[in-house]
């Protein structure tokens, strides 16, 4: 399990009541109800439209991933983690195995 901290940056030259340093979970309560879209991508495939139109029930589309290879987990179309597919009762789920840190510029 990973621990997360939200660091809030003050714009240059701005003074005010914005505290420096890590924020607590209580400080994040305002964002708890904001919906986000989470997508787990098993793999991708590229094909021509005529190939797509020929697909029917039972057709198999080969993806660019190998069996056992980590899947990509996106939050609001941003890659945030990699993980593995798991079965929870009668549903598919995803367990995160790696958090992806990106530089925000």
Protein backbone atom coordinates (compact mmCIF):
# COMPACT_ATOMS: atom_id res chain seq x y z
CA UNK A 1 0.00 0.00 0.00
CA UNK A 2 1.33 3.46 -0.86
CA UNK A 3 1.12 6.60 1.26
CA UNK A 4 0.22 9.77 -0.59
CA UNK A 5 0.73 13.42 0.36
CA UNK A 6 -0.67 16.42 -1.43
CA UNK A 7 1.74 19.32 -1.49
CA UNK A 8 0.14 22.63 -2.34
CA UNK A 9 2.37 25.17 -4.10
CA UNK A 10 1.99 28.91 -3.66
CA UNK A 11 2.39 31.05 -6.78
CA UNK A 12 5.56 33.17 -6.70
CA UNK A 13 5.18 36.38 -4.73
CA UNK A 14 1.78 35.46 -3.25
CA UNK A 15 1.32 35.71 0.50
CA UNK A 16 -1.65 34.39 2.34
CA UNK A 17 -3.17 31.63 4.41
CA UNK A 18 -1.90 28.75 2.24
CA UNK A 19 0.18 26.59 4.60
CA UNK A 20 3.46 25.06 3.46
CA UNK A 21 4.18 21.33 3.67
CA UNK A 22 2.18 18.10 3.44
CA UNK A 23 -1.60 18.19 3.70
CA UNK A 24 -3.60 15.82 5.88
CA UNK A 25 -6.52 13.63 4.79
CA UNK A 26 -8.89 16.02 6.56
CA UNK A 27 -7.68 18.84 4.30
CA UNK A 28 -8.74 16.77 1.28
CA UNK A 29 -12.38 16.27 2.34
CA UNK A 30 -13.52 18.89 -0.19
CA UNK A 31 -12.40 16.69 -3.09
CA UNK A 32 -13.70 13.31 -1.85
CA UNK A 33 -16.99 13.59 -3.80
CA UNK A 34 -15.44 14.61 -7.14
CA UNK A 35 -16.01 11.79 -9.65
CA UNK A 36 -13.04 10.46 -11.62
CA UNK A 37 -12.93 7.98 -14.48
CA UNK A 38 -10.74 4.93 -13.85
CA UNK A 39 -9.78 2.73 -16.82
CA UNK A 40 -7.78 -0.48 -16.84
CA UNK A 41 -6.29 -1.13 -20.28
CA UNK A 42 -5.51 -4.76 -21.02
CA UNK A 43 -3.85 -3.91 -24.31
CA UNK A 44 -4.32 -2.19 -27.63
CA UNK A 45 -4.75 -3.22 -31.26
CA UNK A 46 -4.62 -1.35 -34.53
CA UNK A 47 -6.65 -2.41 -37.56
CA UNK A 48 -8.16 -1.01 -40.70
CA UNK A 49 -11.85 -0.15 -40.86
CA UNK A 50 -12.54 -3.02 -43.28
CA UNK A 51 -11.03 -5.46 -40.74
CA UNK A 52 -13.13 -3.94 -37.97
CA UNK A 53 -16.30 -4.34 -40.02
CA UNK A 54 -15.55 -8.05 -40.56
CA UNK A 55 -15.49 -8.74 -36.81
CA UNK A 56 -18.43 -10.69 -35.50
CA UNK A 57 -19.48 -12.64 -32.44
CA UNK A 58 -16.63 -14.87 -31.30
CA UNK A 59 -13.96 -12.93 -33.17
CA UNK A 60 -10.62 -12.62 -31.40
CA UNK A 61 -8.68 -9.36 -31.48
CA UNK A 62 -4.99 -9.85 -30.70
CA UNK A 63 -3.68 -7.24 -28.26
CA UNK A 64 -0.16 -5.87 -27.92
CA UNK A 65 0.40 -7.45 -24.47
CA UNK A 66 1.62 -10.86 -23.42
CA UNK A 67 -0.10 -13.08 -20.86
CA UNK A 68 1.00 -12.05 -17.38
CA UNK A 69 2.24 -8.63 -18.48
CA UNK A 70 1.11 -5.69 -16.33
CA UNK A 71 -1.91 -3.69 -17.46
CA UNK A 72 -2.09 0.12 -17.50
CA UNK A 73 -4.38 1.93 -15.05
CA UNK A 74 -5.54 5.41 -16.05
CA UNK A 75 -7.36 8.02 -13.97
CA UNK A 76 -9.00 10.70 -16.12
CA UNK A 77 -6.93 9.55 -19.13
CA UNK A 78 -3.63 9.91 -17.23
CA UNK A 79 -1.46 6.86 -16.62
CA UNK A 80 -1.13 6.52 -12.84
CA UNK A 81 -0.32 2.86 -12.17
CA UNK A 82 0.26 -0.62 -13.50
CA UNK A 83 -1.40 -3.71 -12.15
CA UNK A 84 -2.75 -7.20 -12.57
CA UNK A 85 -6.21 -8.53 -13.33
CA UNK A 86 -7.82 -10.38 -10.41
CA UNK A 87 -11.15 -12.14 -9.91
CA UNK A 88 -13.31 -10.97 -7.02
CA UNK A 89 -16.26 -13.34 -6.57
CA UNK A 90 -17.82 -13.26 -10.06
CA UNK A 91 -16.30 -9.96 -11.24
CA UNK A 92 -13.00 -8.83 -12.67
CA UNK A 93 -10.89 -6.38 -10.71
CA UNK A 94 -7.45 -4.83 -10.81
CA UNK A 95 -4.77 -4.81 -8.15
CA UNK A 96 -2.15 -2.07 -8.40
CA UNK A 97 1.41 -3.33 -8.39
CA UNK A 98 3.28 -0.14 -9.36
CA UNK A 99 2.48 3.56 -8.98
CA UNK A 100 3.68 5.67 -11.92
CA UNK A 101 5.19 9.00 -10.89
CA UNK A 102 5.24 11.63 -13.62
CA UNK A 103 6.73 15.08 -13.65
CA UNK A 104 3.98 17.66 -14.08
CA UNK A 105 5.17 20.49 -16.27
